[in-house]
Amino acid sequence: MTRGGRDKDKDEAERRCIVTGDVQPKGGLIRFVVGPDGMVVPDLAEKLPGRGLWVSADRAVMEKAAKSAFSRAAKAPVTVPPDLADLIEAALAKRVVDLISLARKGGIAVAGFEK
C-alpha cells in the first residue's frame, strides 16, 4: 500500500512530471538537476547529486518546462539553456550509441557476418 491508500502494483519507481503533473515510471521521464551556478543540467544517468526535477520525455513538454516550470519546481531562479530540447536529443542519441557499442564489445549485440 502507498501513502494514498491505493495498492502498489508496480515494482518500478514512479515520479511526477513538473509540467503535466502525471505520475509515470522513471523510464518515461528525464531527470534534471540545478547546478551550483543555477544552471539546469540534464541527468540522463540519474547519478548527479541534488534534487531531481522530472520532466516527461516529450519535446513540447520540454519547451513548456524551459519557460517557467524549472524555476517554480526548484523554488529558486534558474537559467535554462536556450536549445534544451536539442541538447537532450543529442545526449540521448549519444547514450544509445554508447550502450550499443558496449553491448557489441561484450558480445551481447551481434550483427553482420558474425551473426
Protein backbone atom coordinates (compact mmCIF):
# COMPACT_ATOMS: atom_id res chain seq x y z
CA MET A 1 0.00 0.00 0.00
CA THR A 2 1.14 3.51 -0.72
CA ARG A 3 0.54 6.65 1.28
CA GLY A 4 -2.64 7.46 -0.63
CA GLY A 5 -4.17 4.12 0.28
CA ARG A 6 -4.08 2.61 -3.20
CA ASP A 7 -2.40 -0.70 -3.86
CA LYS A 8 1.02 -0.52 -5.42
CA ASP A 9 1.01 -2.78 -8.46
CA LYS A 10 4.38 -1.88 -9.96
CA ASP A 11 7.87 -2.54 -8.67
CA GLU A 12 9.42 0.30 -10.68
CA ALA A 13 9.78 3.71 -9.05
CA GLU A 14 7.40 6.41 -10.24
CA ARG A 15 7.98 10.15 -10.43
CA ARG A 16 5.75 13.17 -11.12
CA CYS A 17 6.36 15.41 -14.13
CA ILE A 18 6.79 19.04 -13.07
CA VAL A 19 4.89 20.31 -16.12
CA THR A 20 1.96 17.94 -16.66
CA GLY A 21 1.67 16.55 -13.14
CA ASP A 22 1.33 13.00 -14.48
CA VAL A 23 2.85 10.19 -12.41
CA GLN A 24 4.86 7.86 -14.63
CA PRO A 25 7.61 5.26 -14.30
CA LYS A 26 11.11 6.73 -14.36
CA GLY A 27 11.71 5.28 -17.82
CA GLY A 28 9.33 7.78 -19.44
CA LEU A 29 10.81 10.83 -17.73
CA ILE A 30 14.07 12.76 -17.91
CA ARG A 31 15.77 13.93 -14.72
CA PHE A 32 17.23 17.41 -14.39
CA VAL A 33 19.19 18.94 -11.53
CA VAL A 34 20.16 22.51 -10.74
CA GLY A 35 23.91 23.04 -10.63
CA PRO A 36 25.72 25.24 -8.12
CA ASP A 37 25.73 28.09 -10.63
CA GLY A 38 21.93 27.93 -11.04
CA MET A 39 22.03 26.25 -14.45
CA VAL A 40 19.61 23.43 -15.24
CA VAL A 41 21.56 20.30 -16.23
CA PRO A 42 20.08 17.10 -17.73
CA ASP A 43 20.96 14.00 -15.74
CA LEU A 44 20.42 11.09 -18.11
CA ALA A 45 22.35 8.62 -15.96
CA GLU A 46 20.40 9.74 -12.86
CA LYS A 47 23.56 9.94 -10.77
CA LEU A 48 24.15 13.66 -10.23
CA PRO A 49 23.67 14.96 -6.70
CA GLY A 50 20.78 17.23 -5.86
CA ARG A 51 17.03 17.22 -6.00
CA GLY A 52 15.72 15.78 -9.23
CA LEU A 53 13.29 17.70 -11.41
CA TRP A 54 11.49 15.18 -13.59
CA VAL A 55 10.01 16.10 -16.99
CA SER A 56 8.16 13.91 -19.49
CA ALA A 57 10.28 12.83 -22.44
CA ASP A 58 8.34 14.90 -24.99
CA ARG A 59 9.66 17.89 -26.95
CA ALA A 60 6.55 20.03 -26.37
CA VAL A 61 6.64 19.37 -22.63
CA MET A 62 10.38 20.20 -22.55
CA GLU A 63 9.73 23.56 -24.18
CA LYS A 64 7.00 24.34 -21.63
CA ALA A 65 9.33 23.37 -18.80
CA ALA A 66 12.05 25.69 -20.11
CA LYS A 67 9.75 28.71 -19.79
CA SER A 68 8.85 28.67 -16.10
CA ALA A 69 8.42 25.16 -14.68
CA PHE A 70 12.06 24.65 -13.69
CA SER A 71 12.26 27.78 -11.56
CA ARG A 72 8.89 27.02 -9.97
CA ALA A 73 9.86 23.42 -9.12
CA ALA A 74 13.33 24.40 -7.87
CA LYS A 75 11.84 27.26 -5.82
CA ALA A 76 14.71 29.45 -6.99
CA PRO A 77 15.64 31.39 -10.10
CA VAL A 78 17.42 29.13 -12.58
CA THR A 79 18.88 29.57 -16.04
CA VAL A 80 17.88 27.20 -18.80
CA PRO A 81 19.95 26.67 -21.97
CA PRO A 82 18.08 28.13 -24.97
CA ASP A 83 18.43 24.91 -27.01
CA LEU A 84 17.47 22.50 -24.22
CA ALA A 85 15.39 20.14 -26.38
CA ASP A 86 18.15 19.82 -28.98
CA LEU A 87 20.72 19.26 -26.24
CA ILE A 88 18.63 16.44 -24.75
CA GLU A 89 18.07 14.83 -28.15
CA ALA A 90 21.80 14.80 -28.92
CA ALA A 91 22.66 13.43 -25.47
CA LEU A 92 20.09 10.63 -25.77
CA ALA A 93 21.39 9.66 -29.22
CA LYS A 94 24.97 9.56 -27.91
CA ARG A 95 23.88 7.45 -24.93
CA VAL A 96 22.16 4.92 -27.22
CA VAL A 97 25.23 4.65 -29.46
CA ASP A 98 27.47 4.19 -26.42
CA LEU A 99 25.23 1.44 -25.00
CA ILE A 100 25.11 -0.42 -28.32
CA SER A 101 28.89 -0.13 -28.60
CA LEU A 102 29.29 -1.52 -25.10
CA ALA A 103 26.94 -4.40 -25.89
CA ARG A 104 28.90 -5.24 -29.05
CA LYS A 105 32.15 -5.27 -27.11
CA GLY A 106 30.59 -7.60 -24.56
CA GLY A 107 29.33 -9.95 -27.27
CA ILE A 108 25.65 -9.37 -26.50
CA ALA A 109 24.78 -7.42 -29.65
CA VAL A 110 25.90 -9.32 -32.73
CA ALA A 111 25.30 -8.20 -36.32
CA GLY A 112 26.61 -8.77 -39.81
CA PHE A 113 28.85 -11.73 -40.72
CA GLU A 114 29.31 -12.74 -37.08
CA LYS A 115 25.58 -13.38 -36.79
